[in-house]
Amino acid sequence: MNRLINIGFGNVVNSDKIIGIISPEAAPIKRMVQSAKDAGTAIDATCGRKTKSVIVTESGHLVLSALLPETIANRVNVKEETDNAVYYGE
């Protein structure tokens, strides 16, 4: 089932395809983002704002977001809890 999570400014990501949500501050992450931009696998969803989180997907794409990793993680967790409550009849 597709669960779309808002990652800011009207952009959404399928939460089933997310491997990780990381902060872009560390040098290895900056290199990973630059490599993805060069390879064409980076998706910039910041709308010109500062990148505050990098979402790694199953397909190897990196989605750049202006929201904090904690904010996105909370949205994913809330969505999963809601879906589980409906699924288990709670």
C-alpha atoms as a PDB file:
ATOM      1  CA  MET A   1       0.000   0.000   0.000  1.00  0.00           C
ATOM      2  CA  ASN A   2       1.331   3.422  -0.892  1.00  0.00           C
ATOM      3  CA  ARG A   3       1.723   5.792   2.039  1.00  0.00           C
ATOM      4  CA  LEU A   4       2.612   9.273   0.868  1.00  0.00           C
ATOM      5  CA  ILE A   5       4.409  11.502   3.361  1.00  0.00           C
ATOM      6  CA  ASN A   6       4.599  15.283   2.979  1.00  0.00           C
ATOM      7  CA  ILE A   7       8.249  16.346   2.958  1.00  0.00           C
ATOM      8  CA  GLY A   8       7.523  20.062   2.625  1.00  0.00           C
ATOM      9  CA  PHE A   9       6.165  22.572   0.122  1.00  0.00           C
ATOM     10  CA  GLY A  10       3.612  20.159  -1.318  1.00  0.00           C
ATOM     11  CA  ASN A  11       6.160  17.453  -2.122  1.00  0.00           C
ATOM     12  CA  VAL A  12       5.447  13.871  -1.093  1.00  0.00           C
ATOM     13  CA  VAL A  13       7.431  10.640  -0.909  1.00  0.00           C
ATOM     14  CA  ASN A  14       6.221   7.045  -0.705  1.00  0.00           C
ATOM     15  CA  SER A  15       7.142   6.031   2.853  1.00  0.00           C
ATOM     16  CA  ASP A  16       7.330   2.358   1.859  1.00  0.00           C
ATOM     17  CA  LYS A  17      10.369   3.169  -0.298  1.00  0.00           C
ATOM     18  CA  ILE A  18      12.365   5.118   2.329  1.00  0.00           C
ATOM     19  CA  ILE A  19      15.527   3.426   3.585  1.00  0.00           C
ATOM     20  CA  GLY A  20      16.815   6.278   5.736  1.00  0.00           C
ATOM     21  CA  ILE A  21      16.477   9.936   6.625  1.00  0.00           C
ATOM     22  CA  ILE A  22      19.787  11.612   7.424  1.00  0.00           C
ATOM     23  CA  SER A  23      21.213  15.025   8.185  1.00  0.00           C
ATOM     24  CA  PRO A  24      23.300  16.560   5.373  1.00  0.00           C
ATOM     25  CA  GLU A  25      25.910  18.170   7.650  1.00  0.00           C
ATOM     26  CA  ALA A  26      28.599  15.455   7.641  1.00  0.00           C
ATOM     27  CA  ALA A  27      31.248  15.502   4.918  1.00  0.00           C
ATOM     28  CA  PRO A  28      30.520  11.947   3.672  1.00  0.00           C
ATOM     29  CA  ILE A  29      26.845  12.840   3.223  1.00  0.00           C
ATOM     30  CA  LYS A  30      27.790  16.006   1.333  1.00  0.00           C
ATOM     31  CA  ARG A  31      29.946  13.896  -0.994  1.00  0.00           C
ATOM     32  CA  MET A  32      27.103  11.393  -1.421  1.00  0.00           C
ATOM     33  CA  VAL A  33      24.681  14.205  -2.333  1.00  0.00           C
ATOM     34  CA  GLN A  34      27.155  15.701  -4.816  1.00  0.00           C
ATOM     35  CA  SER A  35      27.686  12.290  -6.420  1.00  0.00           C
ATOM     36  CA  ALA A  36      23.928  11.841  -6.732  1.00  0.00           C
ATOM     37  CA  LYS A  37      23.576  15.289  -8.321  1.00  0.00           C
ATOM     38  CA  ASP A  38      26.315  14.426 -10.831  1.00  0.00           C
ATOM     39  CA  ALA A  39      24.648  11.083 -11.602  1.00  0.00           C
ATOM     40  CA  GLY A  40      21.178  12.615 -11.881  1.00  0.00           C
ATOM     41  CA  THR A  41      19.725  10.608  -8.987  1.00  0.00           C
ATOM     42  CA  ALA A  42      19.217  13.556  -6.616  1.00  0.00           C
ATOM     43  CA  ILE A  43      15.733  15.027  -6.327  1.00  0.00           C
ATOM     44  CA  ASP A  44      15.715  18.553  -4.890  1.00  0.00           C
ATOM     45  CA  ALA A  45      12.456  19.159  -3.010  1.00  0.00           C
ATOM     46  CA  THR A  46      13.743  22.144  -1.010  1.00  0.00           C
ATOM     47  CA  CYS A  47      12.174  24.837  -3.222  1.00  0.00           C
ATOM     48  CA  GLY A  48      15.327  26.936  -2.889  1.00  0.00           C
ATOM     49  CA  ARG A  49      15.616  26.594   0.888  1.00  0.00           C
ATOM     50  CA  LYS A  50      18.533  25.139   2.839  1.00  0.00           C
ATOM     51  CA  THR A  51      18.720  21.341   2.759  1.00  0.00           C
ATOM     52  CA  LYS A  52      18.077  20.008   6.267  1.00  0.00           C
ATOM     53  CA  SER A  53      17.543  16.334   5.497  1.00  0.00           C
ATOM     54  CA  VAL A  54      18.426  13.753   2.880  1.00  0.00           C
ATOM     55  CA  ILE A  55      16.005  10.895   2.246  1.00  0.00           C
ATOM     56  CA  VAL A  56      17.573   7.721   0.849  1.00  0.00           C
ATOM     57  CA  THR A  57      15.215   5.555  -1.199  1.00  0.00           C
ATOM     58  CA  GLU A  58      15.252   1.903  -2.244  1.00  0.00           C
ATOM     59  CA  SER A  59      16.017   2.885  -5.835  1.00  0.00           C
ATOM     60  CA  GLY A  60      19.175   4.735  -4.773  1.00  0.00           C
ATOM     61  CA  HIS A  61      17.703   8.182  -5.309  1.00  0.00           C
ATOM     62  CA  LEU A  62      18.361  10.911  -2.771  1.00  0.00           C
ATOM     63  CA  VAL A  63      15.528  13.312  -2.002  1.00  0.00           C
ATOM     64  CA  LEU A  64      16.638  16.629  -0.504  1.00  0.00           C
ATOM     65  CA  SER A  65      14.172  18.283   1.879  1.00  0.00           C
ATOM     66  CA  ALA A  66      14.051  21.556   3.804  1.00  0.00           C
ATOM     67  CA  LEU A  67      12.409  19.818   6.777  1.00  0.00           C
ATOM     68  CA  LEU A  68      14.390  18.402   9.696  1.00  0.00           C
ATOM     69  CA  PRO A  69      14.932  14.618   9.728  1.00  0.00           C
ATOM     70  CA  GLU A  70      13.016  14.380  13.026  1.00  0.00           C
ATOM     71  CA  THR A  71       9.974  16.070  11.472  1.00  0.00           C
ATOM     72  CA  ILE A  72       9.888  13.676   8.531  1.00  0.00           C
ATOM     73  CA  ALA A  73      10.478  10.650  10.786  1.00  0.00           C
ATOM     74  CA  ASN A  74       7.589  11.720  13.024  1.00  0.00           C
ATOM     75  CA  ARG A  75       5.302  12.003   9.998  1.00  0.00           C
ATOM     76  CA  VAL A  76       6.292   8.517   8.839  1.00  0.00           C
ATOM     77  CA  ASN A  77       5.744   7.068  12.327  1.00  0.00           C
ATOM     78  CA  VAL A  78       2.358   8.756  12.785  1.00  0.00           C
ATOM     79  CA  LYS A  79       1.217   7.493   9.400  1.00  0.00           C
ATOM     80  CA  GLU A  80       2.336   3.916  10.235  1.00  0.00           C
ATOM     81  CA  GLU A  81       0.571   3.997  13.617  1.00  0.00           C
ATOM     82  CA  THR A  82      -2.638   5.220  11.974  1.00  0.00           C
ATOM     83  CA  ASP A  83      -2.474   2.529   9.295  1.00  0.00           C
ATOM     84  CA  ASN A  84      -1.789  -0.213  11.868  1.00  0.00           C
ATOM     85  CA  ALA A  85      -4.707   0.921  14.030  1.00  0.00           C
ATOM     86  CA  VAL A  86      -7.062   0.702  11.045  1.00  0.00           C
ATOM     87  CA  TYR A  87      -5.586  -2.635   9.935  1.00  0.00           C
ATOM     88  CA  TYR A  88      -5.915  -4.237  13.372  1.00  0.00           C
ATOM     89  CA  GLY A  89      -9.339  -2.766  13.993  1.00  0.00           C
ATOM     90  CA  GLU A  90      -8.349  -0.500  16.892  1.00  0.00           C
END
